[in-house]
Amino acid sequence: MVSILVLVCQLSLMAQKPIIQGHRGCRGEFPENTLPAFRHALEVGITVLEMDVCISADGQVLVSHEPYMNSLYATKPDGTPVSKSEENTLNVFKMNYSEVRNFDVGSRGNPLFPEQKKVFAYKPLLEEVFKLAEDFRIKTGKKIYYNIEIKSDPKEYGVSQPTTVDEFSEKVWAIIAKHVHPEFIILQSFDFNVLKYWHKSILSGHFSRVDLSALVTRKGPESTCADLGFTPEIYSPNFVSLTKDIVNECHAKGMKVIPWTVNENSDLQAMIQMGVDEIISDYPSRSLKNL
């Protein structure tokens, strides 16, 4: 009887361990949102790849956090670093993807992440990331999931992104539908107009069902649902604003809780104690070891 109770307790503890998502692949370890980063994340055992998508001038869906070339780490085709003053002129929404691909976003490293490997890398197409991960899935038999953020800001409609969230969403959905079964997709955004469009499209059958994740900084679960007009599958806050009561409130509403971006072990352990479902981390391999 005692051994059965011990086993039940062990299983309960195991069930409480959250899934670790690799933020932008593994930004702390390899250049963010690049094939080397996603490859490394998969190789160390990550099964959920978090990434961001933007749109090029020729309508390609590419993986990038900013809709421009970041002066922190981008290098121009002529081998010179992108300067801060050049960022606004290097708007990927105004560049054909063939131009975007010629920029090196890995060899200089990132001063904010000194442990990051310095390797040549470019901003890949979303379909390239899918191919990499799906090939890995076929080879290993592991289920691979994707948490895709549509980088959208109402102030940028028609400036560094399509004029409407409808157009942006349709382009992203077309790539997803072609390459990955929707059950393996989380679609997240800070722009609630994006989430509203996906929710409407799913309800109408225009899009297949995917999990929708509301990215927030300090907005609580109740106001998040009220502003959206529906309850998303996932509440994804900045971890510093999260409390045990908020986690409980989300779970009572049927929402998973996936905080970002948790890099220190003390914060990781605090999130585990709160009972979060998954954790987004720049250092996924380290986070896996500390579970």
C-alpha atoms as a PDB file:
ATOM      1  CA  MET A   1       0.000   0.000   0.000  1.00  0.00           C
ATOM      2  CA  VAL A   2       2.842   2.370   0.926  1.00  0.00           C
ATOM      3  CA  SER A   3       4.677   1.643  -2.339  1.00  0.00           C
ATOM      4  CA  ILE A   4       1.508   2.443  -4.310  1.00  0.00           C
ATOM      5  CA  LEU A   5       1.180   5.792  -2.500  1.00  0.00           C
ATOM      6  CA  VAL A   6       4.832   6.566  -3.226  1.00  0.00           C
ATOM      7  CA  LEU A   7       4.292   5.748  -6.897  1.00  0.00           C
ATOM      8  CA  VAL A   8       1.193   7.961  -7.043  1.00  0.00           C
ATOM      9  CA  CYS A   9       3.147  10.824  -5.460  1.00  0.00           C
ATOM     10  CA  GLN A  10       6.022  10.348  -7.891  1.00  0.00           C
ATOM     11  CA  LEU A  11       3.653  10.369 -10.853  1.00  0.00           C
ATOM     12  CA  SER A  12       1.992  13.509  -9.487  1.00  0.00           C
ATOM     13  CA  LEU A  13       5.341  15.273  -9.216  1.00  0.00           C
ATOM     14  CA  MET A  14       6.266  14.192 -12.730  1.00  0.00           C
ATOM     15  CA  ALA A  15       2.976  15.546 -14.060  1.00  0.00           C
ATOM     16  CA  GLN A  16       3.737  18.952 -12.522  1.00  0.00           C
ATOM     17  CA  LYS A  17       6.884  19.439 -14.594  1.00  0.00           C
ATOM     18  CA  PRO A  18       6.158  22.007 -17.296  1.00  0.00           C
ATOM     19  CA  ILE A  19       7.128  21.620 -20.920  1.00  0.00           C
ATOM     20  CA  ILE A  20      10.031  23.847 -21.971  1.00  0.00           C
ATOM     21  CA  GLN A  21       9.700  25.873 -25.160  1.00  0.00           C
ATOM     22  CA  GLY A  22      12.792  27.094 -26.981  1.00  0.00           C
ATOM     23  CA  HIS A  23      12.428  30.881 -27.294  1.00  0.00           C
ATOM     24  CA  ARG A  24      13.307  31.915 -30.858  1.00  0.00           C
ATOM     25  CA  GLY A  25      14.861  28.457 -31.032  1.00  0.00           C
ATOM     26  CA  CYS A  26      17.396  28.956 -28.262  1.00  0.00           C
ATOM     27  CA  ARG A  27      18.399  32.621 -28.293  1.00  0.00           C
ATOM     28  CA  GLY A  28      20.843  32.280 -25.406  1.00  0.00           C
ATOM     29  CA  GLU A  29      22.770  29.541 -27.176  1.00  0.00           C
ATOM     30  CA  PHE A  30      22.524  30.139 -30.949  1.00  0.00           C
ATOM     31  CA  PRO A  31      21.470  33.072 -33.167  1.00  0.00           C
ATOM     32  CA  GLU A  32      17.776  33.681 -32.615  1.00  0.00           C
ATOM     33  CA  ASN A  33      15.129  32.522 -35.056  1.00  0.00           C
ATOM     34  CA  THR A  34      17.639  30.748 -37.290  1.00  0.00           C
ATOM     35  CA  LEU A  35      18.007  27.188 -38.506  1.00  0.00           C
ATOM     36  CA  PRO A  36      21.084  26.553 -36.287  1.00  0.00           C
ATOM     37  CA  ALA A  37      19.056  27.624 -33.242  1.00  0.00           C
ATOM     38  CA  PHE A  38      16.073  25.429 -34.069  1.00  0.00           C
ATOM     39  CA  ARG A  39      18.320  22.485 -34.923  1.00  0.00           C
ATOM     40  CA  HIS A  40      20.182  22.768 -31.621  1.00  0.00           C
ATOM     41  CA  ALA A  41      16.934  23.050 -29.649  1.00  0.00           C
ATOM     42  CA  LEU A  42      15.640  19.863 -31.224  1.00  0.00           C
ATOM     43  CA  GLU A  43      18.913  18.043 -30.640  1.00  0.00           C
ATOM     44  CA  VAL A  44      18.917  18.812 -26.903  1.00  0.00           C
ATOM     45  CA  GLY A  45      15.375  17.498 -26.499  1.00  0.00           C
ATOM     46  CA  ILE A  46      13.075  20.488 -26.998  1.00  0.00           C
ATOM     47  CA  THR A  47       9.758  19.536 -28.581  1.00  0.00           C
ATOM     48  CA  VAL A  48       8.138  22.993 -28.785  1.00  0.00           C
ATOM     49  CA  LEU A  49       9.835  25.581 -30.974  1.00  0.00           C
ATOM     50  CA  GLU A  50       8.818  29.194 -30.339  1.00  0.00           C
ATOM     51  CA  MET A  51       9.349  31.671 -33.173  1.00  0.00           C
ATOM     52  CA  ASP A  52       8.174  34.929 -34.744  1.00  0.00           C
ATOM     53  CA  VAL A  53       7.059  35.604 -38.309  1.00  0.00           C
ATOM     54  CA  CYS A  54       7.102  38.649 -40.579  1.00  0.00           C
ATOM     55  CA  ILE A  55       6.276  39.211 -44.252  1.00  0.00           C
ATOM     56  CA  SER A  56       8.654  40.238 -47.054  1.00  0.00           C
ATOM     57  CA  ALA A  57       7.817  42.581 -49.945  1.00  0.00           C
ATOM     58  CA  ASP A  58       7.176  39.603 -52.223  1.00  0.00           C
ATOM     59  CA  GLY A  59       4.761  38.053 -49.734  1.00  0.00           C
ATOM     60  CA  GLN A  60       7.046  35.402 -48.242  1.00  0.00           C
ATOM     61  CA  VAL A  61       6.541  34.344 -44.604  1.00  0.00           C
ATOM     62  CA  LEU A  62       9.924  34.577 -42.916  1.00  0.00           C
ATOM     63  CA  VAL A  63      11.043  33.915 -39.365  1.00  0.00           C
ATOM     64  CA  SER A  64      12.183  37.107 -37.653  1.00  0.00           C
ATOM     65  CA  HIS A  65      11.407  38.905 -34.416  1.00  0.00           C
ATOM     66  CA  GLU A  66      11.737  42.412 -35.855  1.00  0.00           C
ATOM     67  CA  PRO A  67      10.464  43.523 -39.260  1.00  0.00           C
ATOM     68  CA  TYR A  68      13.885  45.064 -39.865  1.00  0.00           C
ATOM     69  CA  MET A  69      17.581  44.217 -39.653  1.00  0.00           C
ATOM     70  CA  ASN A  70      18.693  44.534 -36.036  1.00  0.00           C
ATOM     71  CA  SER A  71      21.926  46.486 -35.576  1.00  0.00           C
ATOM     72  CA  LEU A  72      22.792  44.355 -32.532  1.00  0.00           C
ATOM     73  CA  TYR A  73      23.754  41.407 -34.711  1.00  0.00           C
ATOM     74  CA  ALA A  74      22.952  41.846 -38.425  1.00  0.00           C
ATOM     75  CA  THR A  75      25.647  42.143 -41.064  1.00  0.00           C
ATOM     76  CA  LYS A  76      25.047  43.561 -44.537  1.00  0.00           C
ATOM     77  CA  PRO A  77      25.870  41.576 -47.701  1.00  0.00           C
ATOM     78  CA  ASP A  78      29.051  43.650 -48.135  1.00  0.00           C
ATOM     79  CA  GLY A  79      30.313  42.387 -44.762  1.00  0.00           C
ATOM     80  CA  THR A  80      29.789  45.594 -42.760  1.00  0.00           C
ATOM     81  CA  PRO A  81      27.612  45.683 -39.624  1.00  0.00           C
ATOM     82  CA  VAL A  82      24.147  47.216 -39.806  1.00  0.00           C
ATOM     83  CA  SER A  83      24.201  50.504 -37.906  1.00  0.00           C
ATOM     84  CA  LYS A  84      21.428  51.718 -35.616  1.00  0.00           C
ATOM     85  CA  SER A  85      20.640  54.541 -38.035  1.00  0.00           C
ATOM     86  CA  GLU A  86      20.132  52.042 -40.858  1.00  0.00           C
ATOM     87  CA  GLU A  87      17.541  49.868 -39.141  1.00  0.00           C
ATOM     88  CA  ASN A  88      14.492  51.820 -40.348  1.00  0.00           C
ATOM     89  CA  THR A  89      15.745  51.720 -43.946  1.00  0.00           C
ATOM     90  CA  LEU A  90      16.150  47.940 -43.806  1.00  0.00           C
ATOM     91  CA  ASN A  91      12.452  47.135 -43.402  1.00  0.00           C
ATOM     92  CA  VAL A  92      11.966  43.509 -44.460  1.00  0.00           C
ATOM     93  CA  PHE A  93       8.390  44.285 -45.573  1.00  0.00           C
ATOM     94  CA  LYS A  94       9.939  46.541 -48.216  1.00  0.00           C
ATOM     95  CA  MET A  95      12.577  43.977 -49.236  1.00  0.00           C
ATOM     96  CA  ASN A  96      12.172  40.897 -51.414  1.00  0.00           C
ATOM     97  CA  TYR A  97      13.094  37.742 -49.553  1.00  0.00           C
ATOM     98  CA  SER A  98      16.113  37.197 -51.810  1.00  0.00           C
ATOM     99  CA  GLU A  99      17.503  40.466 -50.390  1.00  0.00           C
ATOM    100  CA  VAL A 100      16.655  39.529 -46.799  1.00  0.00           C
ATOM    101  CA  ARG A 101      18.421  36.200 -47.125  1.00  0.00           C
ATOM    102  CA  ASN A 102      21.724  37.890 -48.014  1.00  0.00           C
ATOM    103  CA  PHE A 103      22.065  39.394 -44.528  1.00  0.00           C
ATOM    104  CA  ASP A 104      24.091  37.443 -41.943  1.00  0.00           C
ATOM    105  CA  VAL A 105      22.374  37.480 -38.549  1.00  0.00           C
ATOM    106  CA  GLY A 106      24.668  35.129 -36.658  1.00  0.00           C
ATOM    107  CA  SER A 107      28.381  35.622 -37.207  1.00  0.00           C
ATOM    108  CA  ARG A 108      28.681  38.724 -35.003  1.00  0.00           C
ATOM    109  CA  GLY A 109      26.900  37.115 -32.087  1.00  0.00           C
ATOM    110  CA  ASN A 110      24.600  39.117 -29.814  1.00  0.00           C
ATOM    111  CA  PRO A 111      26.125  41.261 -27.012  1.00  0.00           C
ATOM    112  CA  LEU A 112      23.003  40.681 -24.912  1.00  0.00           C
ATOM    113  CA  PHE A 113      23.716  36.932 -24.951  1.00  0.00           C
ATOM    114  CA  PRO A 114      27.490  36.442 -24.557  1.00  0.00           C
ATOM    115  CA  GLU A 115      27.178  32.629 -24.485  1.00  0.00           C
ATOM    116  CA  GLN A 116      25.542  32.606 -27.919  1.00  0.00           C
ATOM    117  CA  LYS A 117      27.556  30.741 -30.563  1.00  0.00           C
ATOM    118  CA  LYS A 118      28.809  32.929 -33.403  1.00  0.00           C
ATOM    119  CA  VAL A 119      27.834  31.123 -36.590  1.00  0.00           C
ATOM    120  CA  PHE A 120      26.721  32.266 -40.012  1.00  0.00           C
ATOM    121  CA  ALA A 121      22.934  32.314 -40.239  1.00  0.00           C
ATOM    122  CA  TYR A 122      20.183  34.012 -42.212  1.00  0.00           C
ATOM    123  CA  LYS A 123      16.509  34.731 -41.580  1.00  0.00           C
ATOM    124  CA  PRO A 124      14.817  31.544 -42.854  1.00  0.00           C
ATOM    125  CA  LEU A 125      11.426  31.070 -44.417  1.00  0.00           C
ATOM    126  CA  LEU A 126       8.817  29.540 -42.116  1.00  0.00           C
ATOM    127  CA  GLU A 127       8.576  26.585 -44.465  1.00  0.00           C
ATOM    128  CA  GLU A 128      12.329  25.955 -44.035  1.00  0.00           C
ATOM    129  CA  VAL A 129      11.887  25.724 -40.279  1.00  0.00           C
ATOM    130  CA  PHE A 130       8.984  23.339 -40.769  1.00  0.00           C
ATOM    131  CA  LYS A 131      11.057  21.162 -43.093  1.00  0.00           C
ATOM    132  CA  LEU A 132      13.946  21.020 -40.615  1.00  0.00           C
ATOM    133  CA  ALA A 133      11.702  20.071 -37.711  1.00  0.00           C
ATOM    134  CA  GLU A 134       9.442  17.707 -39.633  1.00  0.00           C
ATOM    135  CA  ASP A 135      12.485  15.849 -40.978  1.00  0.00           C
ATOM    136  CA  PHE A 136      13.661  15.561 -37.365  1.00  0.00           C
ATOM    137  CA  ARG A 137      10.221  14.289 -36.342  1.00  0.00           C
ATOM    138  CA  ILE A 138      10.244  11.621 -39.043  1.00  0.00           C
ATOM    139  CA  LYS A 139      13.788  10.571 -38.144  1.00  0.00           C
ATOM    140  CA  THR A 140      13.236  10.378 -34.373  1.00  0.00           C
ATOM    141  CA  GLY A 141       9.525   9.667 -34.035  1.00  0.00           C
ATOM    142  CA  LYS A 142       9.133  12.601 -31.615  1.00  0.00           C
ATOM    143  CA  LYS A 143       6.110  14.878 -31.793  1.00  0.00           C
ATOM    144  CA  ILE A 144       7.256  18.410 -32.567  1.00  0.00           C
ATOM    145  CA  TYR A 145       5.101  21.451 -31.809  1.00  0.00           C
ATOM    146  CA  TYR A 146       5.370  25.040 -33.024  1.00  0.00           C
ATOM    147  CA  ASN A 147       4.488  28.221 -31.141  1.00  0.00           C
ATOM    148  CA  ILE A 148       4.282  30.879 -33.850  1.00  0.00           C
ATOM    149  CA  GLU A 149       3.969  34.551 -33.004  1.00  0.00           C
ATOM    150  CA  ILE A 150       2.530  36.847 -35.630  1.00  0.00           C
ATOM    151  CA  LYS A 151       4.544  40.032 -35.069  1.00  0.00           C
ATOM    152  CA  SER A 152       1.828  42.598 -35.480  1.00  0.00           C
ATOM    153  CA  ASP A 153       1.290  46.126 -34.197  1.00  0.00           C
ATOM    154  CA  PRO A 154      -1.651  48.337 -35.218  1.00  0.00           C
ATOM    155  CA  LYS A 155       0.745  51.264 -35.616  1.00  0.00           C
ATOM    156  CA  GLU A 156       2.662  49.266 -38.216  1.00  0.00           C
ATOM    157  CA  TYR A 157      -0.253  48.158 -40.424  1.00  0.00           C
ATOM    158  CA  GLY A 158       0.851  48.843 -44.003  1.00  0.00           C
ATOM    159  CA  VAL A 159       4.258  50.091 -42.836  1.00  0.00           C
ATOM    160  CA  SER A 160       6.284  47.055 -41.784  1.00  0.00           C
ATOM    161  CA  GLN A 161       3.548  44.460 -42.234  1.00  0.00           C
ATOM    162  CA  PRO A 162       0.479  43.879 -44.424  1.00  0.00           C
ATOM    163  CA  THR A 163      -2.234  46.528 -44.241  1.00  0.00           C
ATOM    164  CA  THR A 164      -4.686  44.133 -42.573  1.00  0.00           C
ATOM    165  CA  VAL A 165      -4.304  41.303 -40.071  1.00  0.00           C
ATOM    166  CA  ASP A 166      -6.529  39.292 -42.414  1.00  0.00           C
ATOM    167  CA  GLU A 167      -3.890  39.335 -45.150  1.00  0.00           C
ATOM    168  CA  PHE A 168      -1.047  38.646 -42.699  1.00  0.00           C
ATOM    169  CA  SER A 169      -2.947  35.726 -41.147  1.00  0.00           C
ATOM    170  CA  GLU A 170      -3.953  34.227 -44.485  1.00  0.00           C
ATOM    171  CA  LYS A 171      -0.310  34.072 -45.610  1.00  0.00           C
ATOM    172  CA  VAL A 172       0.775  32.394 -42.382  1.00  0.00           C
ATOM    173  CA  TRP A 173      -2.120  29.928 -42.435  1.00  0.00           C
ATOM    174  CA  ALA A 174      -1.332  28.933 -46.037  1.00  0.00           C
ATOM    175  CA  ILE A 175       2.190  27.859 -45.010  1.00  0.00           C
ATOM    176  CA  ILE A 176       0.984  26.033 -41.907  1.00  0.00           C
ATOM    177  CA  ALA A 177      -1.751  24.170 -43.801  1.00  0.00           C
ATOM    178  CA  LYS A 178       0.738  23.036 -46.414  1.00  0.00           C
ATOM    179  CA  HIS A 179       3.400  21.684 -44.085  1.00  0.00           C
ATOM    180  CA  VAL A 180       2.132  20.823 -40.563  1.00  0.00           C
ATOM    181  CA  HIS A 181      -0.951  19.260 -39.025  1.00  0.00           C
ATOM    182  CA  PRO A 182      -2.786  22.056 -37.143  1.00  0.00           C
ATOM    183  CA  GLU A 183      -2.897  20.087 -33.885  1.00  0.00           C
ATOM    184  CA  PHE A 184       0.818  20.823 -33.501  1.00  0.00           C
ATOM    185  CA  ILE A 185       0.397  24.596 -33.822  1.00  0.00           C
ATOM    186  CA  ILE A 186       0.057  27.358 -31.248  1.00  0.00           C
ATOM    187  CA  LEU A 187      -0.669  30.753 -32.795  1.00  0.00           C
ATOM    188  CA  GLN A 188       0.213  33.653 -30.498  1.00  0.00           C
ATOM    189  CA  SER A 189       0.182  37.434 -30.728  1.00  0.00           C
ATOM    190  CA  PHE A 190       0.172  40.614 -28.664  1.00  0.00           C
ATOM    191  CA  ASP A 191      -2.160  42.083 -31.289  1.00  0.00           C
ATOM    192  CA  PHE A 192      -5.629  40.952 -30.263  1.00  0.00           C
ATOM    193  CA  ASN A 193      -6.953  41.830 -33.726  1.00  0.00           C
ATOM    194  CA  VAL A 194      -4.870  38.910 -35.005  1.00  0.00           C
ATOM    195  CA  LEU A 195      -6.285  36.502 -32.432  1.00  0.00           C
ATOM    196  CA  LYS A 196      -9.834  37.679 -33.121  1.00  0.00           C
ATOM    197  CA  TYR A 197      -9.373  37.011 -36.832  1.00  0.00           C
ATOM    198  CA  TRP A 198      -8.025  33.503 -36.199  1.00  0.00           C
ATOM    199  CA  HIS A 199     -10.837  32.750 -33.755  1.00  0.00           C
ATOM    200  CA  LYS A 200     -13.460  33.875 -36.287  1.00  0.00           C
ATOM    201  CA  SER A 201     -11.762  31.907 -39.074  1.00  0.00           C
ATOM    202  CA  ILE A 202     -11.625  28.751 -36.953  1.00  0.00           C
ATOM    203  CA  LEU A 203     -15.280  29.037 -35.941  1.00  0.00           C
ATOM    204  CA  SER A 204     -16.322  29.458 -39.579  1.00  0.00           C
ATOM    205  CA  GLY A 205     -14.188  26.485 -40.680  1.00  0.00           C
ATOM    206  CA  HIS A 206     -12.015  28.704 -42.868  1.00  0.00           C
ATOM    207  CA  PHE A 207      -8.978  27.727 -40.755  1.00  0.00           C
ATOM    208  CA  SER A 208      -8.549  24.406 -39.001  1.00  0.00           C
ATOM    209  CA  ARG A 209      -8.411  24.525 -35.222  1.00  0.00           C
ATOM    210  CA  VAL A 210      -5.131  25.597 -33.646  1.00  0.00           C
ATOM    211  CA  ASP A 211      -4.474  26.678 -30.060  1.00  0.00           C
ATOM    212  CA  LEU A 212      -4.642  30.457 -29.697  1.00  0.00           C
ATOM    213  CA  SER A 213      -2.352  32.151 -27.190  1.00  0.00           C
ATOM    214  CA  ALA A 214      -2.832  35.680 -25.848  1.00  0.00           C
ATOM    215  CA  LEU A 215       0.517  37.347 -25.239  1.00  0.00           C
ATOM    216  CA  VAL A 216       0.297  39.973 -22.506  1.00  0.00           C
ATOM    217  CA  THR A 217       2.598  41.997 -20.309  1.00  0.00           C
ATOM    218  CA  ARG A 218       0.487  42.944 -17.287  1.00  0.00           C
ATOM    219  CA  LYS A 219      -3.078  42.371 -18.490  1.00  0.00           C
ATOM    220  CA  GLY A 220      -4.919  39.914 -16.247  1.00  0.00           C
ATOM    221  CA  PRO A 221      -6.860  36.857 -17.442  1.00  0.00           C
ATOM    222  CA  GLU A 222     -10.292  38.417 -16.963  1.00  0.00           C
ATOM    223  CA  SER A 223      -9.560  41.586 -18.953  1.00  0.00           C
ATOM    224  CA  THR A 224      -7.718  39.510 -21.565  1.00  0.00           C
ATOM    225  CA  CYS A 225     -10.808  37.398 -22.213  1.00  0.00           C
ATOM    226  CA  ALA A 226     -13.059  40.462 -22.111  1.00  0.00           C
ATOM    227  CA  ASP A 227     -10.940  42.347 -24.652  1.00  0.00           C
ATOM    228  CA  LEU A 228     -10.755  39.319 -26.942  1.00  0.00           C
ATOM    229  CA  GLY A 229     -14.436  38.466 -26.661  1.00  0.00           C
ATOM    230  CA  PHE A 230     -13.573  34.788 -26.154  1.00  0.00           C
ATOM    231  CA  THR A 231     -11.420  32.585 -23.934  1.00  0.00           C
ATOM    232  CA  PRO A 232      -8.191  31.566 -25.677  1.00  0.00           C
ATOM    233  CA  GLU A 233      -6.578  28.207 -25.066  1.00  0.00           C
ATOM    234  CA  ILE A 234      -3.484  29.861 -23.600  1.00  0.00           C
ATOM    235  CA  TYR A 235      -2.678  32.867 -21.419  1.00  0.00           C
ATOM    236  CA  SER A 236       0.964  33.838 -22.001  1.00  0.00           C
ATOM    237  CA  PRO A 237       2.222  36.614 -19.703  1.00  0.00           C
ATOM    238  CA  ASN A 238       5.574  38.131 -18.832  1.00  0.00           C
ATOM    239  CA  PHE A 239       6.669  35.821 -16.005  1.00  0.00           C
ATOM    240  CA  VAL A 240       7.382  38.733 -13.639  1.00  0.00           C
ATOM    241  CA  SER A 241       3.681  39.593 -13.486  1.00  0.00           C
ATOM    242  CA  LEU A 242       2.536  36.035 -12.758  1.00  0.00           C
ATOM    243  CA  THR A 243       1.170  34.823  -9.421  1.00  0.00           C
ATOM    244  CA  LYS A 244      -0.224  31.549  -8.151  1.00  0.00           C
ATOM    245  CA  ASP A 245      -3.690  33.118  -7.982  1.00  0.00           C
ATOM    246  CA  ILE A 246      -3.501  34.107 -11.657  1.00  0.00           C
ATOM    247  CA  VAL A 247      -2.441  30.570 -12.612  1.00  0.00           C
ATOM    248  CA  ASN A 248      -5.370  29.154 -10.652  1.00  0.00           C
ATOM    249  CA  GLU A 249      -7.763  31.647 -12.261  1.00  0.00           C
ATOM    250  CA  CYS A 250      -6.573  30.666 -15.736  1.00  0.00           C
ATOM    251  CA  HIS A 251      -6.896  26.971 -15.028  1.00  0.00           C
ATOM    252  CA  ALA A 252     -10.416  27.548 -13.703  1.00  0.00           C
ATOM    253  CA  LYS A 253     -11.256  29.219 -17.016  1.00  0.00           C
ATOM    254  CA  GLY A 254      -9.761  26.285 -18.943  1.00  0.00           C
ATOM    255  CA  MET A 255      -6.668  28.168 -20.105  1.00  0.00           C
ATOM    256  CA  LYS A 256      -3.114  26.878 -20.011  1.00  0.00           C
ATOM    257  CA  VAL A 257      -0.466  29.251 -18.643  1.00  0.00           C
ATOM    258  CA  ILE A 258       2.791  29.711 -20.576  1.00  0.00           C
ATOM    259  CA  PRO A 259       4.996  32.509 -19.194  1.00  0.00           C
ATOM    260  CA  TRP A 260       7.870  34.191 -21.035  1.00  0.00           C
ATOM    261  CA  THR A 261      10.880  34.540 -20.919  1.00  0.00           C
ATOM    262  CA  VAL A 262      12.256  32.501 -18.003  1.00  0.00           C
ATOM    263  CA  ASN A 263      16.046  32.190 -17.995  1.00  0.00           C
ATOM    264  CA  GLU A 264      17.236  31.969 -14.376  1.00  0.00           C
ATOM    265  CA  ASN A 265      16.903  28.767 -12.362  1.00  0.00           C
ATOM    266  CA  SER A 266      15.330  30.568  -9.393  1.00  0.00           C
ATOM    267  CA  ASP A 267      12.612  31.956 -11.659  1.00  0.00           C
ATOM    268  CA  LEU A 268      12.161  28.555 -13.303  1.00  0.00           C
ATOM    269  CA  GLN A 269      11.594  26.923  -9.930  1.00  0.00           C
ATOM    270  CA  ALA A 270       9.132  29.672  -8.947  1.00  0.00           C
ATOM    271  CA  MET A 271       7.124  29.037 -12.130  1.00  0.00           C
ATOM    272  CA  ILE A 272       7.100  25.305 -11.440  1.00  0.00           C
ATOM    273  CA  GLN A 273       5.791  25.933  -7.918  1.00  0.00           C
ATOM    274  CA  MET A 274       3.012  28.079  -9.347  1.00  0.00           C
ATOM    275  CA  GLY A 275       1.913  25.175 -11.539  1.00  0.00           C
ATOM    276  CA  VAL A 276       2.395  26.688 -14.992  1.00  0.00           C
ATOM    277  CA  ASP A 277       1.882  24.357 -17.941  1.00  0.00           C
ATOM    278  CA  GLU A 278       4.823  25.324 -20.144  1.00  0.00           C
ATOM    279  CA  ILE A 279       7.744  27.751 -19.940  1.00  0.00           C
ATOM    280  CA  ILE A 280       9.387  29.783 -22.708  1.00  0.00           C
ATOM    281  CA  SER A 281      13.164  30.085 -22.239  1.00  0.00           C
ATOM    282  CA  ASP A 282      16.180  31.480 -24.094  1.00  0.00           C
ATOM    283  CA  TYR A 283      18.233  28.659 -22.555  1.00  0.00           C
ATOM    284  CA  PRO A 284      16.073  25.597 -23.133  1.00  0.00           C
ATOM    285  CA  SER A 285      18.807  23.000 -22.684  1.00  0.00           C
ATOM    286  CA  ARG A 286      19.736  24.460 -19.284  1.00  0.00           C
ATOM    287  CA  SER A 287      16.076  24.720 -18.311  1.00  0.00           C
ATOM    288  CA  LEU A 288      15.490  21.066 -19.193  1.00  0.00           C
ATOM    289  CA  LYS A 289      18.332  20.039 -16.879  1.00  0.00           C
ATOM    290  CA  ASN A 290      16.911  22.119 -14.037  1.00  0.00           C
ATOM    291  CA  LEU A 291      13.393  20.682 -14.115  1.00  0.00           C
END
